PDB file of N, CA and C in Angstrom:
ATOM      1  N   UNK A   1     -22.517  21.469  10.263  1.00  0.00           N
ATOM      2  CA  UNK A   1     -23.503  22.153   9.851  1.00  0.00           C
ATOM      3  C   UNK A   1     -24.676  21.946  10.249  1.00  0.00           C
ATOM      4  N   UNK A   2     -25.772  22.677   9.376  1.00  0.00           N
ATOM      5  CA  UNK A   2     -26.842  22.913   9.725  1.00  0.00           C
ATOM      6  C   UNK A   2     -27.705  21.623   9.753  1.00  0.00           C
ATOM      7  N   UNK A   3     -28.669  20.798  10.015  1.00  0.00           N
ATOM      8  CA  UNK A   3     -29.736  19.624  10.006  1.00  0.00           C
ATOM      9  C   UNK A   3     -30.095  20.165   8.842  1.00  0.00           C
ATOM     10  N   UNK A   4     -31.220  20.699   8.284  1.00  0.00           N
ATOM     11  CA  UNK A   4     -31.320  20.704   6.874  1.00  0.00           C
ATOM     12  C   UNK A   4     -29.824  19.853   6.017  1.00  0.00           C
ATOM     13  N   UNK A   5     -28.690  20.650   6.355  1.00  0.00           N
ATOM     14  CA  UNK A   5     -27.578  20.347   4.884  1.00  0.00           C
ATOM     15  C   UNK A   5     -28.166  18.718   5.139  1.00  0.00           C
ATOM     16  N   UNK A   6     -27.677  18.444   6.770  1.00  0.00           N
ATOM     17  CA  UNK A   6     -27.576  17.431   7.022  1.00  0.00           C
ATOM     18  C   UNK A   6     -28.838  16.383   6.999  1.00  0.00           C
ATOM     19  N   UNK A   7     -29.282  16.160   6.229  1.00  0.00           N
ATOM     20  CA  UNK A   7     -31.191  15.183   6.530  1.00  0.00           C
ATOM     21  C   UNK A   7     -30.559  15.951   4.152  1.00  0.00           C
ATOM     22  N   UNK A   8     -30.887  16.769   3.818  1.00  0.00           N
ATOM     23  CA  UNK A   8     -30.768  16.225   2.477  1.00  0.00           C
ATOM     24  C   UNK A   8     -29.118  15.269   2.738  1.00  0.00           C
ATOM     25  N   UNK A   9     -27.971  15.765   2.224  1.00  0.00           N
ATOM     26  CA  UNK A   9     -27.211  14.953   2.964  1.00  0.00           C
ATOM     27  C   UNK A   9     -27.403  13.310   3.124  1.00  0.00           C
ATOM     28  N   UNK A  10     -28.379  12.895   4.233  1.00  0.00           N
ATOM     29  CA  UNK A  10     -28.854  11.799   4.444  1.00  0.00           C
ATOM     30  C   UNK A  10     -29.391  11.162   3.533  1.00  0.00           C
ATOM     31  N   UNK A  11     -30.470  12.004   2.559  1.00  0.00           N
ATOM     32  CA  UNK A  11     -31.358  11.840   1.787  1.00  0.00           C
ATOM     33  C   UNK A  11     -30.671  10.819   1.035  1.00  0.00           C
ATOM     34  N   UNK A  12     -29.667  12.001   0.232  1.00  0.00           N
ATOM     35  CA  UNK A  12     -28.468  11.789  -0.852  1.00  0.00           C
ATOM     36  C   UNK A  12     -28.220  10.534  -0.262  1.00  0.00           C
ATOM     37  N   UNK A  13     -27.608   9.850   0.030  1.00  0.00           N
ATOM     38  CA  UNK A  13     -27.149   9.400   0.833  1.00  0.00           C
ATOM     39  C   UNK A  13     -27.911   7.533   0.824  1.00  0.00           C
ATOM     40  N   UNK A  14     -28.537   7.749   1.231  1.00  0.00           N
ATOM     41  CA  UNK A  14     -29.260   6.785   1.761  1.00  0.00           C
ATOM     42  C   UNK A  14     -30.751   6.728   0.521  1.00  0.00           C
ATOM     43  N   UNK A  15     -31.204   7.188   0.207  1.00  0.00           N
ATOM     44  CA  UNK A  15     -31.958   6.567  -1.240  1.00  0.00           C
ATOM     45  C   UNK A  15     -31.124   6.640  -2.638  1.00  0.00           C
ATOM     46  N   UNK A  16     -30.042   6.614  -2.735  1.00  0.00           N
ATOM     47  CA  UNK A  16     -29.693   5.932  -3.571  1.00  0.00           C
ATOM     48  C   UNK A  16     -28.442   4.834  -3.735  1.00  0.00           C
ATOM     49  N   UNK A  17     -27.936   3.994  -4.610  1.00  0.00           N
ATOM     50  CA  UNK A  17     -27.331   2.250  -4.157  1.00  0.00           C
ATOM     51  C   UNK A  17     -25.466   3.070  -3.836  1.00  0.00           C
ATOM     52  N   UNK A  18     -25.447   4.053  -5.830  1.00  0.00           N
ATOM     53  CA  UNK A  18     -23.940   4.404  -5.659  1.00  0.00           C
ATOM     54  C   UNK A  18     -23.853   6.048  -5.468  1.00  0.00           C
ATOM     55  N   UNK A  19     -23.442   6.333  -4.843  1.00  0.00           N
ATOM     56  CA  UNK A  19     -23.688   7.528  -4.457  1.00  0.00           C
ATOM     57  C   UNK A  19     -21.386   8.611  -4.957  1.00  0.00           C
ATOM     58  N   UNK A  20     -21.329   9.400  -5.613  1.00  0.00           N
ATOM     59  CA  UNK A  20     -20.149  10.098  -5.813  1.00  0.00           C
ATOM     60  C   UNK A  20     -19.693  11.525  -6.053  1.00  0.00           C
ATOM     61  N   UNK A  21     -19.731  11.971  -4.397  1.00  0.00           N
ATOM     62  CA  UNK A  21     -19.902  13.429  -4.065  1.00  0.00           C
ATOM     63  C   UNK A  21     -17.742  13.399  -4.418  1.00  0.00           C
ATOM     64  N   UNK A  22     -18.596  14.287  -5.762  1.00  0.00           N
ATOM     65  CA  UNK A  22     -17.381  14.656  -6.683  1.00  0.00           C
ATOM     66  C   UNK A  22     -17.542  16.420  -6.877  1.00  0.00           C
ATOM     67  N   UNK A  23     -16.405  16.597  -7.375  1.00  0.00           N
ATOM     68  CA  UNK A  23     -16.189  18.065  -7.896  1.00  0.00           C
ATOM     69  C   UNK A  23     -16.331  18.010  -9.926  1.00  0.00           C
ATOM     70  N   UNK A  24     -17.334  18.498  -9.926  1.00  0.00           N
ATOM     71  CA  UNK A  24     -18.090  18.622 -11.286  1.00  0.00           C
ATOM     72  C   UNK A  24     -18.897  17.702 -11.060  1.00  0.00           C
ATOM     73  N   UNK A  25     -19.386  17.075 -12.690  1.00  0.00           N
ATOM     74  CA  UNK A  25     -20.213  15.710 -13.626  1.00  0.00           C
ATOM     75  C   UNK A  25     -18.532  15.061 -13.816  1.00  0.00           C
ATOM     76  N   UNK A  26     -19.343  13.889 -13.426  1.00  0.00           N
ATOM     77  CA  UNK A  26     -18.984  12.967 -14.565  1.00  0.00           C
ATOM     78  C   UNK A  26     -18.559  12.893 -15.735  1.00  0.00           C
ATOM     79  N   UNK A  27     -19.481  13.719 -16.984  1.00  0.00           N
ATOM     80  CA  UNK A  27     -18.406  13.950 -17.662  1.00  0.00           C
ATOM     81  C   UNK A  27     -18.074  15.607 -17.823  1.00  0.00           C
ATOM     82  N   UNK A  28     -17.829  15.638 -17.000  1.00  0.00           N
ATOM     83  CA  UNK A  28     -16.609  17.009 -17.170  1.00  0.00           C
ATOM     84  C   UNK A  28     -16.540  17.308 -15.260  1.00  0.00           C
ATOM     85  N   UNK A  29     -15.252  16.536 -15.076  1.00  0.00           N
ATOM     86  CA  UNK A  29     -15.038  16.292 -13.724  1.00  0.00           C
ATOM     87  C   UNK A  29     -14.046  17.487 -13.630  1.00  0.00           C
ATOM     88  N   UNK A  30     -14.058  18.077 -12.434  1.00  0.00           N
ATOM     89  CA  UNK A  30     -13.346  19.559 -12.085  1.00  0.00           C
ATOM     90  C   UNK A  30     -12.115  19.163 -11.325  1.00  0.00           C
ATOM     91  N   UNK A  31     -11.760  18.282 -10.828  1.00  0.00           N
ATOM     92  CA  UNK A  31     -10.886  17.717 -10.611  1.00  0.00           C
ATOM     93  C   UNK A  31     -10.183  16.254 -11.125  1.00  0.00           C
ATOM     94  N   UNK A  32      -8.147  16.107 -10.995  1.00  0.00           N
ATOM     95  CA  UNK A  32      -8.319  14.802 -11.027  1.00  0.00           C
ATOM     96  C   UNK A  32      -8.907  13.974 -10.453  1.00  0.00           C
ATOM     97  N   UNK A  33      -8.743  14.423  -9.194  1.00  0.00           N
ATOM     98  CA  UNK A  33      -9.182  12.617  -8.191  1.00  0.00           C
ATOM     99  C   UNK A  33     -10.705  12.150  -7.851  1.00  0.00           C
ATOM    100  N   UNK A  34     -11.724  13.685  -8.952  1.00  0.00           N
ATOM    101  CA  UNK A  34     -13.073  13.351  -9.434  1.00  0.00           C
ATOM    102  C   UNK A  34     -13.274  12.372  -9.749  1.00  0.00           C
ATOM    103  N   UNK A  35     -11.835  12.768 -11.165  1.00  0.00           N
ATOM    104  CA  UNK A  35     -11.775  12.027 -12.986  1.00  0.00           C
ATOM    105  C   UNK A  35     -11.288  10.606 -12.434  1.00  0.00           C
ATOM    106  N   UNK A  36     -10.446  10.615 -11.778  1.00  0.00           N
ATOM    107  CA  UNK A  36     -10.185   9.161 -11.247  1.00  0.00           C
ATOM    108  C   UNK A  36     -10.834   8.124 -10.848  1.00  0.00           C
ATOM    109  N   UNK A  37     -11.560   8.874  -9.470  1.00  0.00           N
ATOM    110  CA  UNK A  37     -13.136   8.353  -9.289  1.00  0.00           C
ATOM    111  C   UNK A  37     -14.259   8.080 -10.669  1.00  0.00           C
ATOM    112  N   UNK A  38     -14.120   8.524 -10.783  1.00  0.00           N
ATOM    113  CA  UNK A  38     -16.278   7.838 -12.539  1.00  0.00           C
ATOM    114  C   UNK A  38     -14.597   6.940 -12.948  1.00  0.00           C
ATOM    115  N   UNK A  39     -13.974   7.485 -13.278  1.00  0.00           N
ATOM    116  CA  UNK A  39     -13.422   6.458 -14.619  1.00  0.00           C
ATOM    117  C   UNK A  39     -13.607   4.234 -13.724  1.00  0.00           C
ATOM    118  N   UNK A  40     -13.111   4.027 -12.626  1.00  0.00           N
ATOM    119  CA  UNK A  40     -12.711   4.276 -11.110  1.00  0.00           C
ATOM    120  C   UNK A  40     -14.612   2.934 -11.982  1.00  0.00           C
ATOM    121  N   UNK A  41     -15.337   4.342 -11.755  1.00  0.00           N
ATOM    122  CA  UNK A  41     -17.074   2.846 -11.290  1.00  0.00           C
ATOM    123  C   UNK A  41     -16.943   3.328 -12.559  1.00  0.00           C
ATOM    124  N   UNK A  42     -16.936   3.480 -13.242  1.00  0.00           N
ATOM    125  CA  UNK A  42     -16.603   3.358 -14.888  1.00  0.00           C
ATOM    126  C   UNK A  42     -16.653   1.866 -15.415  1.00  0.00           C
ATOM    127  N   UNK A  43     -15.154   1.737 -14.748  1.00  0.00           N
ATOM    128  CA  UNK A  43     -14.251   1.159 -15.696  1.00  0.00           C
ATOM    129  C   UNK A  43     -14.899  -0.882 -15.127  1.00  0.00           C
ATOM    130  N   UNK A  44     -16.106  -0.453 -14.155  1.00  0.00           N
ATOM    131  CA  UNK A  44     -16.609  -1.688 -13.148  1.00  0.00           C
ATOM    132  C   UNK A  44     -17.969  -1.444 -13.818  1.00  0.00           C
ATOM    133  N   UNK A  45     -18.215  -0.902 -14.465  1.00  0.00           N
ATOM    134  CA  UNK A  45     -19.769  -1.155 -15.258  1.00  0.00           C
ATOM    135  C   UNK A  45     -20.427  -0.497 -14.140  1.00  0.00           C
ATOM    136  N   UNK A  46     -20.105   0.501 -12.988  1.00  0.00           N
ATOM    137  CA  UNK A  46     -21.607   0.827 -11.550  1.00  0.00           C
ATOM    138  C   UNK A  46     -22.360   1.863 -12.164  1.00  0.00           C
ATOM    139  N   UNK A  47     -23.342   0.923 -11.872  1.00  0.00           N
ATOM    140  CA  UNK A  47     -24.222   3.165 -12.349  1.00  0.00           C
ATOM    141  C   UNK A  47     -24.274   3.441 -11.336  1.00  0.00           C
ATOM    142  N   UNK A  48     -23.410   4.563 -11.802  1.00  0.00           N
ATOM    143  CA  UNK A  48     -23.773   6.037 -10.123  1.00  0.00           C
ATOM    144  C   UNK A  48     -24.569   7.162  -9.973  1.00  0.00           C
ATOM    145  N   UNK A  49     -24.697   7.462  -9.258  1.00  0.00           N
ATOM    146  CA  UNK A  49     -26.008   8.975  -9.170  1.00  0.00           C
ATOM    147  C   UNK A  49     -24.253  10.241  -8.423  1.00  0.00           C
ATOM    148  N   UNK A  50     -24.184  11.265  -8.843  1.00  0.00           N
ATOM    149  CA  UNK A  50     -23.296  11.422  -8.547  1.00  0.00           C
ATOM    150  C   UNK A  50     -23.845  12.795  -7.813  1.00  0.00           C
ATOM    151  N   UNK A  51     -22.583  14.020  -7.149  1.00  0.00           N
ATOM    152  CA  UNK A  51     -23.147  14.708  -6.684  1.00  0.00           C
ATOM    153  C   UNK A  51     -22.336  16.096  -6.615  1.00  0.00           C
ATOM    154  N   UNK A  52     -22.920  17.241  -7.093  1.00  0.00           N
ATOM    155  CA  UNK A  52     -21.322  17.824  -7.961  1.00  0.00           C
ATOM    156  C   UNK A  52     -21.467  19.235  -6.445  1.00  0.00           C
ATOM    157  N   UNK A  53     -20.152  19.053  -5.778  1.00  0.00           N
ATOM    158  CA  UNK A  53     -20.264  19.563  -4.814  1.00  0.00           C
ATOM    159  C   UNK A  53     -19.503  21.791  -4.654  1.00  0.00           C
ATOM    160  N   UNK A  54     -18.838  21.648  -6.097  1.00  0.00           N
ATOM    161  CA  UNK A  54     -19.155  23.056  -6.573  1.00  0.00           C
ATOM    162  C   UNK A  54     -20.758  23.244  -6.427  1.00  0.00           C
ATOM    163  N   UNK A  55     -21.037  23.094  -6.350  1.00  0.00           N
ATOM    164  CA  UNK A  55     -22.984  23.649  -7.779  1.00  0.00           C
ATOM    165  C   UNK A  55     -23.467  24.152  -5.562  1.00  0.00           C
ATOM    166  N   UNK A  56     -22.935  23.641  -4.535  1.00  0.00           N
ATOM    167  CA  UNK A  56     -23.906  23.503  -3.134  1.00  0.00           C
ATOM    168  C   UNK A  56     -22.223  24.750  -1.953  1.00  0.00           C
ATOM    169  N   UNK A  57     -21.705  25.177  -2.098  1.00  0.00           N
ATOM    170  CA  UNK A  57     -20.526  25.271  -0.722  1.00  0.00           C
ATOM    171  C   UNK A  57     -21.358  24.556   0.171  1.00  0.00           C
ATOM    172  N   UNK A  58     -23.178  24.439   1.018  1.00  0.00           N
ATOM    173  CA  UNK A  58     -23.080  23.454   2.518  1.00  0.00           C
ATOM    174  C   UNK A  58     -22.489  22.208   1.832  1.00  0.00           C
ATOM    175  N   UNK A  59     -23.019  21.585   1.759  1.00  0.00           N
ATOM    176  CA  UNK A  59     -22.658  20.702   0.996  1.00  0.00           C
ATOM    177  C   UNK A  59     -21.322  19.976   0.720  1.00  0.00           C
ATOM    178  N   UNK A  60     -20.505  20.697   0.371  1.00  0.00           N
ATOM    179  CA  UNK A  60     -19.246  20.873   0.161  1.00  0.00           C
ATOM    180  C   UNK A  60     -18.586  20.932   1.524  1.00  0.00           C
ATOM    181  N   UNK A  61     -18.883  21.109   2.603  1.00  0.00           N
ATOM    182  CA  UNK A  61     -18.320  21.369   3.928  1.00  0.00           C
ATOM    183  C   UNK A  61     -19.231  21.014   4.702  1.00  0.00           C
ATOM    184  N   UNK A  62     -20.535  20.712   4.578  1.00  0.00           N
ATOM    185  CA  UNK A  62     -21.624  18.955   5.259  1.00  0.00           C
ATOM    186  C   UNK A  62     -21.006  17.410   4.775  1.00  0.00           C
ATOM    187  N   UNK A  63     -20.495  17.208   3.840  1.00  0.00           N
ATOM    188  CA  UNK A  63     -20.522  16.044   3.210  1.00  0.00           C
ATOM    189  C   UNK A  63     -18.596  15.691   3.848  1.00  0.00           C
ATOM    190  N   UNK A  64     -18.385  16.180   4.315  1.00  0.00           N
ATOM    191  CA  UNK A  64     -17.449  16.092   5.039  1.00  0.00           C
ATOM    192  C   UNK A  64     -17.420  16.110   6.972  1.00  0.00           C
ATOM    193  N   UNK A  65     -18.670  17.209   7.277  1.00  0.00           N
ATOM    194  CA  UNK A  65     -18.211  17.120   8.668  1.00  0.00           C
ATOM    195  C   UNK A  65     -19.391  15.788   8.477  1.00  0.00           C
ATOM    196  N   UNK A  66     -20.193  15.019   7.618  1.00  0.00           N
ATOM    197  CA  UNK A  66     -21.557  14.237   7.834  1.00  0.00           C
ATOM    198  C   UNK A  66     -20.530  13.149   8.078  1.00  0.00           C
ATOM    199  N   UNK A  67     -18.951  12.349   6.796  1.00  0.00           N
ATOM    200  CA  UNK A  67     -18.464  11.280   7.265  1.00  0.00           C
ATOM    201  C   UNK A  67     -17.284  11.384   7.483  1.00  0.00           C
ATOM    202  N   UNK A  68     -16.920  12.204   8.516  1.00  0.00           N
ATOM    203  CA  UNK A  68     -15.959  12.591   9.174  1.00  0.00           C
ATOM    204  C   UNK A  68     -14.038  12.570   8.390  1.00  0.00           C
ATOM    205  N   UNK A  69     -14.577  12.976   6.594  1.00  0.00           N
ATOM    206  CA  UNK A  69     -12.982  12.971   6.568  1.00  0.00           C
ATOM    207  C   UNK A  69     -13.214  13.552   5.317  1.00  0.00           C
ATOM    208  N   UNK A  70     -12.202  14.280   5.633  1.00  0.00           N
ATOM    209  CA  UNK A  70     -11.760  15.693   4.841  1.00  0.00           C
ATOM    210  C   UNK A  70     -11.202  16.310   3.579  1.00  0.00           C
ATOM    211  N   UNK A  71     -11.847  15.065   2.982  1.00  0.00           N
ATOM    212  CA  UNK A  71     -11.773  15.870   1.142  1.00  0.00           C
ATOM    213  C   UNK A  71     -12.573  15.447   0.184  1.00  0.00           C
ATOM    214  N   UNK A  72     -12.479  15.186  -1.167  1.00  0.00           N
ATOM    215  CA  UNK A  72     -13.963  14.850  -1.885  1.00  0.00           C
ATOM    216  C   UNK A  72     -13.022  14.768  -3.018  1.00  0.00           C
ATOM    217  N   UNK A  73     -12.949  13.613  -3.913  1.00  0.00           N
ATOM    218  CA  UNK A  73     -14.364  12.792  -3.972  1.00  0.00           C
ATOM    219  C   UNK A  73     -14.623  12.020  -2.606  1.00  0.00           C
ATOM    220  N   UNK A  74     -15.933  11.726  -2.634  1.00  0.00           N
ATOM    221  CA  UNK A  74     -16.558  10.913  -1.806  1.00  0.00           C
ATOM    222  C   UNK A  74     -17.053   9.303  -2.602  1.00  0.00           C
ATOM    223  N   UNK A  75     -17.188   8.000  -2.380  1.00  0.00           N
ATOM    224  CA  UNK A  75     -17.642   7.574  -2.299  1.00  0.00           C
ATOM    225  C   UNK A  75     -18.404   6.522  -1.518  1.00  0.00           C
ATOM    226  N   UNK A  76     -20.370   6.306  -1.886  1.00  0.00           N
ATOM    227  CA  UNK A  76     -21.054   5.991  -0.947  1.00  0.00           C
ATOM    228  C   UNK A  76     -22.282   4.597  -1.154  1.00  0.00           C
ATOM    229  N   UNK A  77     -21.440   3.861  -0.896  1.00  0.00           N
ATOM    230  CA  UNK A  77     -22.700   2.648  -1.735  1.00  0.00           C
ATOM    231  C   UNK A  77     -23.919   1.414  -0.547  1.00  0.00           C
ATOM    232  N   UNK A  78     -25.220   1.657  -0.455  1.00  0.00           N
ATOM    233  CA  UNK A  78     -25.938   1.468   0.148  1.00  0.00           C
ATOM    234  C   UNK A  78     -25.691   1.786   0.994  1.00  0.00           C
ATOM    235  N   UNK A  79     -25.713   3.620   1.212  1.00  0.00           N
ATOM    236  CA  UNK A  79     -25.255   4.679   2.350  1.00  0.00           C
ATOM    237  C   UNK A  79     -24.542   4.675   3.411  1.00  0.00           C
ATOM    238  N   UNK A  80     -23.136   4.036   2.770  1.00  0.00           N
ATOM    239  CA  UNK A  80     -22.659   3.058   3.960  1.00  0.00           C
ATOM    240  C   UNK A  80     -20.871   4.157   2.647  1.00  0.00           C
ATOM    241  N   UNK A  81     -20.648   4.601   3.510  1.00  0.00           N
ATOM    242  CA  UNK A  81     -19.570   6.188   3.359  1.00  0.00           C
ATOM    243  C   UNK A  81     -17.985   4.230   3.066  1.00  0.00           C
ATOM    244  N   UNK A  82     -17.470   3.900   1.748  1.00  0.00           N
ATOM    245  CA  UNK A  82     -16.114   3.605   1.673  1.00  0.00           C
ATOM    246  C   UNK A  82     -15.012   4.194   1.416  1.00  0.00           C
ATOM    247  N   UNK A  83     -15.055   5.487   1.274  1.00  0.00           N
ATOM    248  CA  UNK A  83     -13.167   6.604   0.813  1.00  0.00           C
ATOM    249  C   UNK A  83     -13.270   6.839  -0.173  1.00  0.00           C
ATOM    250  N   UNK A  84     -12.174   7.924  -0.198  1.00  0.00           N
ATOM    251  CA  UNK A  84     -11.665   8.423  -1.387  1.00  0.00           C
ATOM    252  C   UNK A  84     -11.082   8.189  -2.399  1.00  0.00           C
ATOM    253  N   UNK A  85     -10.792   8.972  -3.511  1.00  0.00           N
ATOM    254  CA  UNK A  85     -10.067   8.142  -5.213  1.00  0.00           C
ATOM    255  C   UNK A  85      -8.741   7.351  -4.335  1.00  0.00           C
ATOM    256  N   UNK A  86      -8.393   7.923  -2.734  1.00  0.00           N
ATOM    257  CA  UNK A  86      -7.201   6.594  -3.390  1.00  0.00           C
ATOM    258  C   UNK A  86      -7.554   5.539  -2.663  1.00  0.00           C
ATOM    259  N   UNK A  87      -8.420   5.225  -1.350  1.00  0.00           N
ATOM    260  CA  UNK A  87      -9.464   4.236  -1.834  1.00  0.00           C
ATOM    261  C   UNK A  87      -9.638   3.662  -2.086  1.00  0.00           C
ATOM    262  N   UNK A  88     -10.551   4.174  -3.312  1.00  0.00           N
ATOM    263  CA  UNK A  88     -10.643   3.678  -4.180  1.00  0.00           C
ATOM    264  C   UNK A  88     -10.168   2.623  -5.075  1.00  0.00           C
ATOM    265  N   UNK A  89      -9.013   3.532  -5.373  1.00  0.00           N
ATOM    266  CA  UNK A  89      -7.959   3.109  -6.582  1.00  0.00           C
ATOM    267  C   UNK A  89      -7.582   1.480  -6.035  1.00  0.00           C
ATOM    268  N   UNK A  90      -7.104   1.951  -4.450  1.00  0.00           N
ATOM    269  CA  UNK A  90      -6.502   0.784  -3.765  1.00  0.00           C
ATOM    270  C   UNK A  90      -6.685  -0.645  -3.607  1.00  0.00           C
ATOM    271  N   UNK A  91      -8.719  -0.544  -3.709  1.00  0.00           N
ATOM    272  CA  UNK A  91      -9.244  -1.319  -3.469  1.00  0.00           C
ATOM    273  C   UNK A  91     -10.456  -1.644  -4.966  1.00  0.00           C
ATOM    274  N   UNK A  92     -10.135  -0.892  -5.640  1.00  0.00           N
ATOM    275  CA  UNK A  92      -9.936  -1.519  -7.515  1.00  0.00           C
ATOM    276  C   UNK A  92      -9.007  -2.264  -7.586  1.00  0.00           C
ATOM    277  N   UNK A  93      -7.462  -1.489  -7.217  1.00  0.00           N
ATOM    278  CA  UNK A  93      -6.301  -2.753  -7.174  1.00  0.00           C
ATOM    279  C   UNK A  93      -6.408  -3.524  -7.298  1.00  0.00           C
ATOM    280  N   UNK A  94      -6.785  -4.266  -6.161  1.00  0.00           N
ATOM    281  CA  UNK A  94      -7.104  -5.083  -5.228  1.00  0.00           C
ATOM    282  C   UNK A  94      -8.200  -5.837  -5.492  1.00  0.00           C
ATOM    283  N   UNK A  95      -9.048  -5.335  -5.809  1.00  0.00           N
ATOM    284  CA  UNK A  95     -10.120  -6.521  -6.510  1.00  0.00           C
ATOM    285  C   UNK A  95     -11.489  -6.266  -6.200  1.00  0.00           C
ATOM    286  N   UNK A  96     -10.943  -5.702  -4.507  1.00  0.00           N
ATOM    287  CA  UNK A  96     -11.957  -5.152  -2.722  1.00  0.00           C
ATOM    288  C   UNK A  96     -12.873  -4.410  -3.804  1.00  0.00           C
ATOM    289  N   UNK A  97     -12.312  -3.081  -4.432  1.00  0.00           N
ATOM    290  CA  UNK A  97     -13.686  -2.825  -4.910  1.00  0.00           C
ATOM    291  C   UNK A  97     -14.939  -3.222  -5.490  1.00  0.00           C
ATOM    292  N   UNK A  98     -14.750  -4.828  -6.110  1.00  0.00           N
ATOM    293  CA  UNK A  98     -15.448  -4.860  -6.679  1.00  0.00           C
ATOM    294  C   UNK A  98     -15.786  -6.518  -6.420  1.00  0.00           C
ATOM    295  N   UNK A  99     -15.610  -6.303  -5.824  1.00  0.00           N
ATOM    296  CA  UNK A  99     -15.687  -7.385  -4.831  1.00  0.00           C
ATOM    297  C   UNK A  99     -16.886  -6.740  -3.679  1.00  0.00           C
ATOM    298  N   UNK A 100     -16.632  -5.362  -3.284  1.00  0.00           N
ATOM    299  CA  UNK A 100     -18.195  -4.679  -2.283  1.00  0.00           C
ATOM    300  C   UNK A 100     -19.425  -4.764  -3.473  1.00  0.00           C
ATOM    301  N   UNK A 101     -19.215  -4.342  -4.272  1.00  0.00           N
ATOM    302  CA  UNK A 101     -19.887  -3.474  -5.580  1.00  0.00           C
ATOM    303  C   UNK A 101     -20.799  -5.429  -5.741  1.00  0.00           C
ATOM    304  N   UNK A 102     -20.269  -6.223  -5.594  1.00  0.00           N
ATOM    305  CA  UNK A 102     -21.191  -7.695  -6.550  1.00  0.00           C
ATOM    306  C   UNK A 102     -21.887  -8.163  -4.641  1.00  0.00           C
ATOM    307  N   UNK A 103     -21.305  -7.574  -3.756  1.00  0.00           N
ATOM    308  CA  UNK A 103     -22.003  -8.372  -1.897  1.00  0.00           C
ATOM    309  C   UNK A 103     -22.788  -7.899  -2.040  1.00  0.00           C
ATOM    310  N   UNK A 104     -22.975  -6.127  -2.289  1.00  0.00           N
ATOM    311  CA  UNK A 104     -24.119  -5.060  -2.300  1.00  0.00           C
ATOM    312  C   UNK A 104     -25.170  -5.198  -3.377  1.00  0.00           C
ATOM    313  N   UNK A 105     -25.141  -6.065  -4.567  1.00  0.00           N
ATOM    314  CA  UNK A 105     -25.713  -5.897  -5.181  1.00  0.00           C
ATOM    315  C   UNK A 105     -26.072  -4.627  -5.934  1.00  0.00           C
ATOM    316  N   UNK A 106     -24.831  -4.289  -6.621  1.00  0.00           N
ATOM    317  CA  UNK A 106     -24.951  -2.614  -7.607  1.00  0.00           C
ATOM    318  C   UNK A 106     -23.942  -3.023  -8.750  1.00  0.00           C
ATOM    319  N   UNK A 107     -23.245  -3.963  -8.977  1.00  0.00           N
ATOM    320  CA  UNK A 107     -22.419  -4.747  -9.859  1.00  0.00           C
ATOM    321  C   UNK A 107     -22.985  -4.686 -11.149  1.00  0.00           C
ATOM    322  N   UNK A 108     -22.025  -4.758 -12.024  1.00  0.00           N
ATOM    323  CA  UNK A 108     -22.867  -4.705 -13.209  1.00  0.00           C
ATOM    324  C   UNK A 108     -23.089  -5.291 -14.121  1.00  0.00           C
TER     325      UNK A 108
END
């Protein structure tokens, strides 16, 4: 990953409270996993920004190296990597994700 891509990803992750790197947009997710991640965040009434990795191949590959996580979507809360769709679902079902959002001060 180039320094330029790392700097861009750093800015996105650290400047936003909640950011979801996904395929597509919240209105038109381009894969089932991204759709599930959006649905979870919307169900929790969490305001979030999204980055469509399909629009930028450098970010698409760079985010995987940045987090050392091989798949997309990827959720970041207050600059911290939370996980992908499966981890989000597990945390949502156990109540951990709602609790994390409250702890970080981003809950609705």
